[in-house]
Amino acid sequence: MRRLLALALLAPFVIGFLSPGAALEPPTADPVFHFTDPEITESSGLVARDGLVVTVNDSGDGNRVFTVDPATGATVGVTRWPGDATDIEALAPAGDPGSGEVWVGDIGDNTASRDHVEVARVPVGRGERMVDAPTYRLVYPDGPHDAETLLADPATGRLYVVAKEFIGRLYAAPEHLDPDGPNLLSAVDEVLGIATDGSFTPDGAHLVLRNYGQAAVYTWPDLGRVAQVDLPEQPQGEGLAISETGEVLVSSEGAGAEVLRVELPLDQPSASPGPDQETDDGSGRAPVEVERSLWPWALGGVAGLVIVVVLLRSLRPR
């Protein structure tokens, strides 16, 4: 009962954090194509590069990546590599545009029980291929987490993972991955909750994360949230990609799912510490300041109070 009371008291903070301000109006959705391959049934990760789109099915599929021509929606290439996948959930670009490679994130962990997760660097493009993909083990510093978002900084190539939790957390991989591992992740900051995918903008000035219904735009590397946008309705929207030209695509699970083009506010300037601001960790990244509306906290407070009252009444002797 004490644990229930503690959880109830956390309600306003959880609700308030997950609703950091009024979202902007949903952007206009422009359908680009739909997946025609019957093998693509649960598109989770998404990458747009070199005029092609790359995707993976999530949990339950094997080590394979699909390359799709957005002009037709048809699969034009499949890459496979040895090994058994546990729960592939995410993709991120690897190297500069034209490199023909992606990072594949076997980072799903619904039961939070894996002692490590894995990423593999995989060549993609037109044609069928079987490859030996370099694979790296990643370990969280604070125990297992479920995750569906893998990010690669276009300026440095450094990888980041976002834990899929009510209060999301961004973790950084080491600058140089050790193939013999394990590679210890480090916690960076709190970000959008229940994130299912994300991407850096091509210039590396912004980071975009999405969950099932919204996208959040952050400046990088200071991680100041500059916009929160309701995304167009999708059956189970999970994927997000930003092409090298800045085009934002979002995808959904489901056979024959559409991929939509959306406009997001990506032209916000990157914040920098003011003369009286202190950085939080010596990295030059300013503390995150997010403007929050009051109604989520009020709603959370009322919900928490109601739960506490009900629980206390149930404890009264009868």
C-alpha atoms as a PDB file:
ATOM      1  CA  MET A   1       0.000   0.000   0.000  1.00  0.00           C
ATOM      2  CA  ARG A   2       2.876   2.353   0.744  1.00  0.00           C
ATOM      3  CA  ARG A   3       4.228   1.721  -2.735  1.00  0.00           C
ATOM      4  CA  LEU A   4       0.846   2.556  -4.240  1.00  0.00           C
ATOM      5  CA  LEU A   5       0.749   5.809  -2.282  1.00  0.00           C
ATOM      6  CA  ALA A   6       4.217   6.698  -3.507  1.00  0.00           C
ATOM      7  CA  LEU A   7       3.224   6.017  -7.115  1.00  0.00           C
ATOM      8  CA  ALA A   8       0.098   8.130  -6.682  1.00  0.00           C
ATOM      9  CA  LEU A   9       2.151  11.041  -5.440  1.00  0.00           C
ATOM     10  CA  LEU A  10       4.338  10.763  -8.558  1.00  0.00           C
ATOM     11  CA  ALA A  11       1.329  11.124 -10.874  1.00  0.00           C
ATOM     12  CA  PRO A  12       1.421  14.931 -11.214  1.00  0.00           C
ATOM     13  CA  PHE A  13       5.113  14.896 -12.000  1.00  0.00           C
ATOM     14  CA  VAL A  14       4.784  12.195 -14.663  1.00  0.00           C
ATOM     15  CA  ILE A  15       1.806  13.870 -16.328  1.00  0.00           C
ATOM     16  CA  GLY A  16       3.420  17.281 -16.116  1.00  0.00           C
ATOM     17  CA  PHE A  17       6.680  16.076 -17.630  1.00  0.00           C
ATOM     18  CA  LEU A  18       5.016  14.250 -20.489  1.00  0.00           C
ATOM     19  CA  SER A  19       3.004  17.374 -21.362  1.00  0.00           C
ATOM     20  CA  PRO A  20       5.600  20.142 -21.441  1.00  0.00           C
ATOM     21  CA  GLY A  21       3.427  22.673 -23.240  1.00  0.00           C
ATOM     22  CA  ALA A  22       0.659  23.064 -25.739  1.00  0.00           C
ATOM     23  CA  ALA A  23       1.513  21.180 -28.921  1.00  0.00           C
ATOM     24  CA  LEU A  24       1.453  22.949 -32.250  1.00  0.00           C
ATOM     25  CA  GLU A  25      -1.224  22.128 -34.797  1.00  0.00           C
ATOM     26  CA  PRO A  26      -0.625  18.801 -36.554  1.00  0.00           C
ATOM     27  CA  PRO A  27       1.414  19.307 -39.733  1.00  0.00           C
ATOM     28  CA  THR A  28      -0.131  18.563 -43.089  1.00  0.00           C
ATOM     29  CA  ALA A  29       0.485  14.942 -44.056  1.00  0.00           C
ATOM     30  CA  ASP A  30       1.609  14.347 -47.628  1.00  0.00           C
ATOM     31  CA  PRO A  31       1.530  10.623 -48.535  1.00  0.00           C
ATOM     32  CA  VAL A  32       4.745   9.706 -50.358  1.00  0.00           C
ATOM     33  CA  PHE A  33       4.282   5.964 -50.897  1.00  0.00           C
ATOM     34  CA  HIS A  34       3.121   2.790 -49.205  1.00  0.00           C
ATOM     35  CA  PHE A  35       5.123  -0.380 -48.667  1.00  0.00           C
ATOM     36  CA  THR A  36       4.126  -2.941 -51.293  1.00  0.00           C
ATOM     37  CA  ASP A  37       6.323  -5.772 -50.012  1.00  0.00           C
ATOM     38  CA  PRO A  38       4.181  -8.257 -48.023  1.00  0.00           C
ATOM     39  CA  GLU A  39       7.287  -9.042 -45.941  1.00  0.00           C
ATOM     40  CA  ILE A  40       7.273  -5.504 -44.493  1.00  0.00           C
ATOM     41  CA  THR A  41       4.547  -5.790 -41.875  1.00  0.00           C
ATOM     42  CA  GLU A  42       5.938  -3.946 -38.837  1.00  0.00           C
ATOM     43  CA  SER A  43       8.080  -1.071 -40.100  1.00  0.00           C
ATOM     44  CA  SER A  44       9.810   0.298 -37.017  1.00  0.00           C
ATOM     45  CA  GLY A  45      13.108   2.008 -37.821  1.00  0.00           C
ATOM     46  CA  LEU A  46      13.391   4.288 -40.854  1.00  0.00           C
ATOM     47  CA  VAL A  47      16.291   5.916 -42.738  1.00  0.00           C
ATOM     48  CA  ALA A  48      16.079   8.074 -45.896  1.00  0.00           C
ATOM     49  CA  ARG A  49      19.330   8.331 -47.867  1.00  0.00           C
ATOM     50  CA  ASP A  50      20.489   8.595 -51.478  1.00  0.00           C
ATOM     51  CA  GLY A  51      16.943   8.710 -52.849  1.00  0.00           C
ATOM     52  CA  LEU A  52      15.988   5.438 -51.139  1.00  0.00           C
ATOM     53  CA  VAL A  53      14.247   4.489 -47.878  1.00  0.00           C
ATOM     54  CA  VAL A  54      15.518   1.775 -45.549  1.00  0.00           C
ATOM     55  CA  THR A  55      13.382   0.015 -42.942  1.00  0.00           C
ATOM     56  CA  VAL A  56      13.288  -2.977 -40.613  1.00  0.00           C
ATOM     57  CA  ASN A  57      10.524  -5.014 -39.059  1.00  0.00           C
ATOM     58  CA  ASP A  58      10.527  -4.949 -35.287  1.00  0.00           C
ATOM     59  CA  SER A  59      10.462  -7.756 -32.730  1.00  0.00           C
ATOM     60  CA  GLY A  60      10.188 -11.244 -34.169  1.00  0.00           C
ATOM     61  CA  ASP A  61      12.025 -10.704 -37.438  1.00  0.00           C
ATOM     62  CA  GLY A  62      15.541 -11.848 -38.267  1.00  0.00           C
ATOM     63  CA  ASN A  63      18.725 -10.055 -39.265  1.00  0.00           C
ATOM     64  CA  ARG A  64      17.518  -8.329 -42.411  1.00  0.00           C
ATOM     65  CA  VAL A  65      17.059  -4.788 -43.710  1.00  0.00           C
ATOM     66  CA  PHE A  66      14.790  -3.697 -46.565  1.00  0.00           C
ATOM     67  CA  THR A  67      15.712  -1.011 -49.094  1.00  0.00           C
ATOM     68  CA  VAL A  68      12.663   0.565 -50.728  1.00  0.00           C
ATOM     69  CA  ASP A  69      12.275   2.812 -53.774  1.00  0.00           C
ATOM     70  CA  PRO A  70       9.939   5.648 -52.690  1.00  0.00           C
ATOM     71  CA  ALA A  71       8.899   6.200 -56.306  1.00  0.00           C
ATOM     72  CA  THR A  72       7.052   2.869 -56.292  1.00  0.00           C
ATOM     73  CA  GLY A  73       7.024   1.607 -52.696  1.00  0.00           C
ATOM     74  CA  ALA A  74       8.636  -1.619 -53.916  1.00  0.00           C
ATOM     75  CA  THR A  75      11.505  -3.345 -52.157  1.00  0.00           C
ATOM     76  CA  VAL A  76      14.604  -3.104 -54.349  1.00  0.00           C
ATOM     77  CA  GLY A  77      17.136  -4.641 -51.978  1.00  0.00           C
ATOM     78  CA  VAL A  78      17.429  -6.851 -48.878  1.00  0.00           C
ATOM     79  CA  THR A  79      20.549  -7.197 -46.744  1.00  0.00           C
ATOM     80  CA  ARG A  80      20.970 -10.158 -44.409  1.00  0.00           C
ATOM     81  CA  TRP A  81      23.752 -11.069 -41.997  1.00  0.00           C
ATOM     82  CA  PRO A  82      24.508 -14.071 -39.752  1.00  0.00           C
ATOM     83  CA  GLY A  83      23.286 -14.404 -36.182  1.00  0.00           C
ATOM     84  CA  ASP A  84      20.035 -14.436 -34.298  1.00  0.00           C
ATOM     85  CA  ALA A  85      18.231 -11.162 -33.701  1.00  0.00           C
ATOM     86  CA  THR A  86      16.671 -10.623 -30.273  1.00  0.00           C
ATOM     87  CA  ASP A  87      14.526  -7.530 -30.892  1.00  0.00           C
ATOM     88  CA  ILE A  88      15.569  -5.251 -33.756  1.00  0.00           C
ATOM     89  CA  GLU A  89      13.754  -1.922 -33.381  1.00  0.00           C
ATOM     90  CA  ALA A  90      15.771   0.920 -34.878  1.00  0.00           C
ATOM     91  CA  LEU A  91      17.941   2.280 -37.682  1.00  0.00           C
ATOM     92  CA  ALA A  92      20.314   5.227 -37.996  1.00  0.00           C
ATOM     93  CA  PRO A  93      22.450   6.487 -40.890  1.00  0.00           C
ATOM     94  CA  ALA A  94      26.074   5.315 -40.815  1.00  0.00           C
ATOM     95  CA  GLY A  95      28.693   7.603 -42.303  1.00  0.00           C
ATOM     96  CA  ASP A  96      28.155  10.380 -44.800  1.00  0.00           C
ATOM     97  CA  PRO A  97      25.406  10.327 -47.465  1.00  0.00           C
ATOM     98  CA  GLY A  98      26.502   7.978 -50.201  1.00  0.00           C
ATOM     99  CA  SER A  99      28.215   5.573 -47.811  1.00  0.00           C
ATOM    100  CA  GLY A 100      25.461   3.009 -48.370  1.00  0.00           C
ATOM    101  CA  GLU A 101      25.459   1.854 -44.755  1.00  0.00           C
ATOM    102  CA  VAL A 102      23.108   2.016 -41.780  1.00  0.00           C
ATOM    103  CA  TRP A 103      23.332   1.210 -38.104  1.00  0.00           C
ATOM    104  CA  VAL A 104      20.833  -1.471 -37.067  1.00  0.00           C
ATOM    105  CA  GLY A 105      19.758  -1.380 -33.436  1.00  0.00           C
ATOM    106  CA  ASP A 106      18.895  -4.701 -31.780  1.00  0.00           C
ATOM    107  CA  ILE A 107      17.908  -2.667 -28.713  1.00  0.00           C
ATOM    108  CA  GLY A 108      14.358  -3.758 -27.849  1.00  0.00           C
ATOM    109  CA  ASP A 109      13.873  -5.191 -24.368  1.00  0.00           C
ATOM    110  CA  ASN A 110      10.207  -5.261 -23.366  1.00  0.00           C
ATOM    111  CA  THR A 111      10.943  -7.169 -20.156  1.00  0.00           C
ATOM    112  CA  ALA A 112      14.032  -5.106 -19.266  1.00  0.00           C
ATOM    113  CA  SER A 113      16.040  -8.282 -18.796  1.00  0.00           C
ATOM    114  CA  ARG A 114      18.878  -8.148 -21.355  1.00  0.00           C
ATOM    115  CA  ASP A 115      22.386  -7.788 -19.950  1.00  0.00           C
ATOM    116  CA  HIS A 116      23.411  -5.997 -23.156  1.00  0.00           C
ATOM    117  CA  VAL A 117      21.979  -4.772 -26.454  1.00  0.00           C
ATOM    118  CA  GLU A 118      23.651  -4.691 -29.865  1.00  0.00           C
ATOM    119  CA  VAL A 119      24.188  -2.480 -32.883  1.00  0.00           C
ATOM    120  CA  ALA A 120      25.464  -3.631 -36.270  1.00  0.00           C
ATOM    121  CA  ARG A 121      26.855  -1.610 -39.178  1.00  0.00           C
ATOM    122  CA  VAL A 122      25.200  -2.958 -42.315  1.00  0.00           C
ATOM    123  CA  PRO A 123      25.576  -2.082 -46.034  1.00  0.00           C
ATOM    124  CA  VAL A 124      22.280  -1.408 -47.798  1.00  0.00           C
ATOM    125  CA  GLY A 125      21.120  -0.565 -51.297  1.00  0.00           C
ATOM    126  CA  ARG A 126      19.762  -2.231 -54.383  1.00  0.00           C
ATOM    127  CA  GLY A 127      20.106  -5.984 -54.726  1.00  0.00           C
ATOM    128  CA  GLU A 128      20.110  -9.008 -52.431  1.00  0.00           C
ATOM    129  CA  ARG A 129      23.172  -9.545 -50.294  1.00  0.00           C
ATOM    130  CA  MET A 130      24.496 -11.598 -47.399  1.00  0.00           C
ATOM    131  CA  VAL A 131      27.176  -9.792 -45.409  1.00  0.00           C
ATOM    132  CA  ASP A 132      29.329 -10.062 -42.320  1.00  0.00           C
ATOM    133  CA  ALA A 133      28.197  -7.044 -40.307  1.00  0.00           C
ATOM    134  CA  PRO A 134      30.461  -5.665 -37.551  1.00  0.00           C
ATOM    135  CA  THR A 135      28.446  -5.928 -34.327  1.00  0.00           C
ATOM    136  CA  TYR A 136      29.008  -4.083 -31.056  1.00  0.00           C
ATOM    137  CA  ARG A 137      27.617  -4.736 -27.584  1.00  0.00           C
ATOM    138  CA  LEU A 138      26.220  -1.826 -25.578  1.00  0.00           C
ATOM    139  CA  VAL A 139      25.574  -1.851 -21.826  1.00  0.00           C
ATOM    140  CA  TYR A 140      23.526   0.678 -19.830  1.00  0.00           C
ATOM    141  CA  PRO A 141      25.149   2.163 -16.729  1.00  0.00           C
ATOM    142  CA  ASP A 142      21.984   1.751 -14.625  1.00  0.00           C
ATOM    143  CA  GLY A 143      20.507  -1.583 -15.645  1.00  0.00           C
ATOM    144  CA  PRO A 144      18.474  -2.755 -18.648  1.00  0.00           C
ATOM    145  CA  HIS A 145      16.053  -0.508 -20.561  1.00  0.00           C
ATOM    146  CA  ASP A 146      13.666  -1.032 -23.441  1.00  0.00           C
ATOM    147  CA  ALA A 147      14.535   1.186 -26.417  1.00  0.00           C
ATOM    148  CA  GLU A 148      13.359   1.756 -29.988  1.00  0.00           C
ATOM    149  CA  THR A 149      15.400   4.814 -30.973  1.00  0.00           C
ATOM    150  CA  LEU A 150      18.960   4.788 -32.302  1.00  0.00           C
ATOM    151  CA  LEU A 151      20.624   8.057 -33.370  1.00  0.00           C
ATOM    152  CA  ALA A 152      23.892   8.921 -35.102  1.00  0.00           C
ATOM    153  CA  ASP A 153      25.343  12.426 -34.819  1.00  0.00           C
ATOM    154  CA  PRO A 154      26.140  13.483 -38.420  1.00  0.00           C
ATOM    155  CA  ALA A 155      29.088  15.593 -37.270  1.00  0.00           C
ATOM    156  CA  THR A 156      30.869  13.006 -35.130  1.00  0.00           C
ATOM    157  CA  GLY A 157      29.246   9.684 -35.993  1.00  0.00           C
ATOM    158  CA  ARG A 158      28.665   9.038 -32.290  1.00  0.00           C
ATOM    159  CA  LEU A 159      25.696   6.806 -31.475  1.00  0.00           C
ATOM    160  CA  TYR A 160      22.900   7.554 -29.012  1.00  0.00           C
ATOM    161  CA  VAL A 161      20.079   5.385 -27.640  1.00  0.00           C
ATOM    162  CA  VAL A 162      16.804   6.664 -26.176  1.00  0.00           C
ATOM    163  CA  ALA A 163      15.139   4.551 -23.479  1.00  0.00           C
ATOM    164  CA  LYS A 164      11.429   4.052 -24.239  1.00  0.00           C
ATOM    165  CA  GLU A 165       9.985   5.026 -20.874  1.00  0.00           C
ATOM    166  CA  PHE A 166       7.435   7.522 -19.524  1.00  0.00           C
ATOM    167  CA  ILE A 167      10.324   9.862 -18.872  1.00  0.00           C
ATOM    168  CA  GLY A 168      12.670   9.178 -21.762  1.00  0.00           C
ATOM    169  CA  ARG A 169      16.417   9.292 -21.302  1.00  0.00           C
ATOM    170  CA  LEU A 170      19.112   9.814 -23.886  1.00  0.00           C
ATOM    171  CA  TYR A 171      22.255   7.663 -23.566  1.00  0.00           C
ATOM    172  CA  ALA A 172      25.520   8.206 -25.420  1.00  0.00           C
ATOM    173  CA  ALA A 173      27.744   5.415 -26.696  1.00  0.00           C
ATOM    174  CA  PRO A 174      31.524   5.772 -26.452  1.00  0.00           C
ATOM    175  CA  GLU A 175      33.034   7.886 -29.228  1.00  0.00           C
ATOM    176  CA  HIS A 176      34.872   4.841 -30.510  1.00  0.00           C
ATOM    177  CA  LEU A 177      33.159   1.470 -30.251  1.00  0.00           C
ATOM    178  CA  ASP A 178      35.177  -1.531 -29.147  1.00  0.00           C
ATOM    179  CA  PRO A 179      34.281  -4.622 -31.211  1.00  0.00           C
ATOM    180  CA  ASP A 180      35.270  -6.799 -28.264  1.00  0.00           C
ATOM    181  CA  GLY A 181      33.076  -4.741 -25.903  1.00  0.00           C
ATOM    182  CA  PRO A 182      31.080  -4.306 -23.905  1.00  0.00           C
ATOM    183  CA  ASN A 183      30.695  -0.578 -24.626  1.00  0.00           C
ATOM    184  CA  LEU A 184      29.340   1.325 -21.639  1.00  0.00           C
ATOM    185  CA  LEU A 185      26.627   3.881 -22.401  1.00  0.00           C
ATOM    186  CA  SER A 186      26.471   7.129 -20.438  1.00  0.00           C
ATOM    187  CA  ALA A 187      23.292   9.001 -19.464  1.00  0.00           C
ATOM    188  CA  VAL A 188      22.941  12.426 -21.124  1.00  0.00           C
ATOM    189  CA  ASP A 189      19.554  13.960 -20.287  1.00  0.00           C
ATOM    190  CA  GLU A 190      15.795  13.467 -20.092  1.00  0.00           C
ATOM    191  CA  VAL A 191      13.879  13.663 -23.371  1.00  0.00           C
ATOM    192  CA  LEU A 192      10.504  12.805 -24.927  1.00  0.00           C
ATOM    193  CA  GLY A 193       8.717   9.912 -23.246  1.00  0.00           C
ATOM    194  CA  ILE A 194       7.807   6.640 -25.028  1.00  0.00           C
ATOM    195  CA  ALA A 195      10.062   7.511 -27.977  1.00  0.00           C
ATOM    196  CA  THR A 196       9.738   5.099 -30.900  1.00  0.00           C
ATOM    197  CA  ASP A 197      12.223   6.694 -33.328  1.00  0.00           C
ATOM    198  CA  GLY A 198      14.191   9.822 -34.077  1.00  0.00           C
ATOM    199  CA  SER A 199      16.836  11.462 -36.210  1.00  0.00           C
ATOM    200  CA  PHE A 200      19.322  14.290 -36.347  1.00  0.00           C
ATOM    201  CA  THR A 201      18.882  16.967 -38.983  1.00  0.00           C
ATOM    202  CA  PRO A 202      21.552  16.830 -41.723  1.00  0.00           C
ATOM    203  CA  ASP A 203      23.453  19.810 -40.291  1.00  0.00           C
ATOM    204  CA  GLY A 204      23.422  18.320 -36.797  1.00  0.00           C
ATOM    205  CA  ALA A 205      21.819  21.461 -35.329  1.00  0.00           C
ATOM    206  CA  HIS A 206      18.619  19.718 -34.253  1.00  0.00           C
ATOM    207  CA  LEU A 207      17.422  16.376 -32.958  1.00  0.00           C
ATOM    208  CA  VAL A 208      13.857  15.133 -33.561  1.00  0.00           C
ATOM    209  CA  LEU A 209      12.201  12.399 -31.503  1.00  0.00           C
ATOM    210  CA  ARG A 210       8.755  10.912 -31.978  1.00  0.00           C
ATOM    211  CA  ASN A 211       6.373   8.697 -30.057  1.00  0.00           C
ATOM    212  CA  TYR A 212       3.059   7.249 -31.190  1.00  0.00           C
ATOM    213  CA  GLY A 213       1.347  10.625 -31.505  1.00  0.00           C
ATOM    214  CA  GLN A 214       3.825  13.491 -31.203  1.00  0.00           C
ATOM    215  CA  ALA A 215       7.245  14.729 -32.259  1.00  0.00           C
ATOM    216  CA  ALA A 216       9.606  16.895 -30.225  1.00  0.00           C
ATOM    217  CA  VAL A 217      12.306  19.096 -31.760  1.00  0.00           C
ATOM    218  CA  TYR A 218      15.463  19.819 -29.747  1.00  0.00           C
ATOM    219  CA  THR A 219      18.472  21.991 -30.439  1.00  0.00           C
ATOM    220  CA  TRP A 220      21.770  20.135 -30.363  1.00  0.00           C
ATOM    221  CA  PRO A 221      23.939  19.721 -28.386  1.00  0.00           C
ATOM    222  CA  ASP A 222      22.237  21.771 -25.661  1.00  0.00           C
ATOM    223  CA  LEU A 223      18.998  19.737 -25.897  1.00  0.00           C
ATOM    224  CA  GLY A 224      16.665  22.701 -25.539  1.00  0.00           C
ATOM    225  CA  ARG A 225      13.174  21.674 -26.611  1.00  0.00           C
ATOM    226  CA  VAL A 226      11.940  24.239 -29.145  1.00  0.00           C
ATOM    227  CA  ALA A 227       8.755  22.595 -30.421  1.00  0.00           C
ATOM    228  CA  GLN A 228       6.264  19.837 -29.713  1.00  0.00           C
ATOM    229  CA  VAL A 229       4.038  18.806 -32.625  1.00  0.00           C
ATOM    230  CA  ASP A 230       1.058  16.469 -32.886  1.00  0.00           C
ATOM    231  CA  LEU A 231       1.787  14.045 -35.722  1.00  0.00           C
ATOM    232  CA  PRO A 232      -0.801  12.923 -38.288  1.00  0.00           C
ATOM    233  CA  GLU A 233      -2.890   9.944 -37.270  1.00  0.00           C
ATOM    234  CA  GLN A 234      -1.344   6.582 -38.139  1.00  0.00           C
ATOM    235  CA  PRO A 235      -2.362   3.008 -37.238  1.00  0.00           C
ATOM    236  CA  GLN A 236       0.784   2.605 -35.104  1.00  0.00           C
ATOM    237  CA  GLY A 237       3.201   5.360 -36.008  1.00  0.00           C
ATOM    238  CA  GLU A 238       6.744   4.397 -35.095  1.00  0.00           C
ATOM    239  CA  GLY A 239       9.330   5.388 -37.706  1.00  0.00           C
ATOM    240  CA  LEU A 240      10.883   8.778 -38.428  1.00  0.00           C
ATOM    241  CA  ALA A 241      13.613   9.696 -40.890  1.00  0.00           C
ATOM    242  CA  ILE A 242      15.158  12.955 -42.090  1.00  0.00           C
ATOM    243  CA  SER A 243      16.801  12.815 -45.500  1.00  0.00           C
ATOM    244  CA  GLU A 244      20.010  14.631 -46.411  1.00  0.00           C
ATOM    245  CA  THR A 245      17.846  17.366 -47.965  1.00  0.00           C
ATOM    246  CA  GLY A 246      15.856  17.862 -44.740  1.00  0.00           C
ATOM    247  CA  GLU A 247      12.689  16.010 -45.804  1.00  0.00           C
ATOM    248  CA  VAL A 248      10.926  14.460 -42.786  1.00  0.00           C
ATOM    249  CA  LEU A 249       9.223  11.095 -43.303  1.00  0.00           C
ATOM    250  CA  VAL A 250       7.139   9.149 -40.781  1.00  0.00           C
ATOM    251  CA  SER A 251       6.062   5.516 -41.067  1.00  0.00           C
ATOM    252  CA  SER A 252       3.701   3.122 -39.327  1.00  0.00           C
ATOM    253  CA  GLU A 253       3.477  -0.546 -38.571  1.00  0.00           C
ATOM    254  CA  GLY A 254       1.030  -2.650 -40.560  1.00  0.00           C
ATOM    255  CA  ALA A 255       1.052  -4.364 -43.945  1.00  0.00           C
ATOM    256  CA  GLY A 256       0.982  -1.862 -46.798  1.00  0.00           C
ATOM    257  CA  ALA A 257       1.487   1.056 -44.391  1.00  0.00           C
ATOM    258  CA  GLU A 258       1.842   4.559 -45.814  1.00  0.00           C
ATOM    259  CA  VAL A 259       4.937   6.693 -45.409  1.00  0.00           C
ATOM    260  CA  LEU A 260       4.047  10.358 -44.946  1.00  0.00           C
ATOM    261  CA  ARG A 261       5.975  13.572 -45.499  1.00  0.00           C
ATOM    262  CA  VAL A 262       5.487  16.157 -42.731  1.00  0.00           C
ATOM    263  CA  GLU A 263       6.752  19.676 -42.130  1.00  0.00           C
ATOM    264  CA  LEU A 264       8.379  20.241 -38.739  1.00  0.00           C
ATOM    265  CA  PRO A 265       9.777  23.508 -37.303  1.00  0.00           C
ATOM    266  CA  LEU A 266      13.456  22.734 -37.819  1.00  0.00           C
ATOM    267  CA  ASP A 267      14.634  26.297 -38.365  1.00  0.00           C
ATOM    268  CA  GLN A 268      14.900  27.256 -34.695  1.00  0.00           C
ATOM    269  CA  PRO A 269      18.361  28.565 -33.720  1.00  0.00           C
ATOM    270  CA  SER A 270      20.588  26.415 -31.573  1.00  0.00           C
ATOM    271  CA  ALA A 271      20.760  27.860 -28.068  1.00  0.00           C
ATOM    272  CA  SER A 272      24.040  28.644 -26.389  1.00  0.00           C
ATOM    273  CA  PRO A 273      24.853  29.374 -22.747  1.00  0.00           C
ATOM    274  CA  GLY A 274      24.364  32.981 -21.762  1.00  0.00           C
ATOM    275  CA  PRO A 275      27.008  34.959 -19.846  1.00  0.00           C
ATOM    276  CA  ASP A 276      25.453  34.071 -16.492  1.00  0.00           C
ATOM    277  CA  GLN A 277      24.609  30.427 -17.319  1.00  0.00           C
ATOM    278  CA  GLU A 278      26.614  27.528 -16.044  1.00  0.00           C
ATOM    279  CA  THR A 279      26.874  24.333 -18.005  1.00  0.00           C
ATOM    280  CA  ASP A 280      25.853  21.141 -16.269  1.00  0.00           C
ATOM    281  CA  ASP A 281      28.746  18.844 -16.978  1.00  0.00           C
ATOM    282  CA  GLY A 282      31.629  20.821 -18.404  1.00  0.00           C
ATOM    283  CA  SER A 283      30.697  19.844 -21.956  1.00  0.00           C
ATOM    284  CA  GLY A 284      29.463  23.280 -22.977  1.00  0.00           C
ATOM    285  CA  ARG A 285      25.862  22.086 -23.112  1.00  0.00           C
ATOM    286  CA  ALA A 286      23.499  24.498 -21.419  1.00  0.00           C
ATOM    287  CA  PRO A 287      20.954  23.279 -18.867  1.00  0.00           C
ATOM    288  CA  VAL A 288      17.665  22.405 -20.519  1.00  0.00           C
ATOM    289  CA  GLU A 289      14.960  24.979 -19.920  1.00  0.00           C
ATOM    290  CA  VAL A 290      11.528  23.838 -21.114  1.00  0.00           C
ATOM    291  CA  GLU A 291       8.500  26.071 -20.825  1.00  0.00           C
ATOM    292  CA  ARG A 292       5.654  24.052 -19.362  1.00  0.00           C
ATOM    293  CA  SER A 293       1.990  24.925 -19.161  1.00  0.00           C
ATOM    294  CA  LEU A 294       0.244  24.677 -15.805  1.00  0.00           C
ATOM    295  CA  TRP A 295      -2.750  22.537 -16.746  1.00  0.00           C
ATOM    296  CA  PRO A 296      -0.847  19.203 -16.981  1.00  0.00           C
ATOM    297  CA  TRP A 297       0.497  19.701 -13.486  1.00  0.00           C
ATOM    298  CA  ALA A 298      -2.953  20.638 -12.212  1.00  0.00           C
ATOM    299  CA  LEU A 299      -4.473  17.601 -13.892  1.00  0.00           C
ATOM    300  CA  GLY A 300      -1.763  15.357 -12.501  1.00  0.00           C
ATOM    301  CA  GLY A 301      -2.192  16.848  -9.036  1.00  0.00           C
ATOM    302  CA  VAL A 302      -5.940  16.236  -9.060  1.00  0.00           C
ATOM    303  CA  ALA A 303      -5.436  12.675 -10.295  1.00  0.00           C
ATOM    304  CA  GLY A 304      -2.833  11.985  -7.629  1.00  0.00           C
ATOM    305  CA  LEU A 305      -4.981  13.511  -4.882  1.00  0.00           C
ATOM    306  CA  VAL A 306      -8.006  11.436  -5.891  1.00  0.00           C
ATOM    307  CA  ILE A 307      -5.960   8.249  -5.857  1.00  0.00           C
ATOM    308  CA  VAL A 308      -4.453   9.069  -2.462  1.00  0.00           C
ATOM    309  CA  VAL A 309      -7.890   9.809  -0.967  1.00  0.00           C
ATOM    310  CA  VAL A 310      -9.331   6.550  -2.314  1.00  0.00           C
ATOM    311  CA  LEU A 311      -6.393   4.554  -0.968  1.00  0.00           C
ATOM    312  CA  LEU A 312      -6.558   6.206   2.450  1.00  0.00           C
ATOM    313  CA  ARG A 313     -10.293   5.558   2.703  1.00  0.00           C
ATOM    314  CA  SER A 314      -9.700   1.918   1.892  1.00  0.00           C
ATOM    315  CA  LEU A 315      -7.330   1.716   4.874  1.00  0.00           C
ATOM    316  CA  ARG A 316      -9.892   2.962   7.381  1.00  0.00           C
ATOM    317  CA  PRO A 317     -11.150   0.284   9.778  1.00  0.00           C
ATOM    318  CA  ARG A 318     -14.638  -0.924   9.016  1.00  0.00           C
END
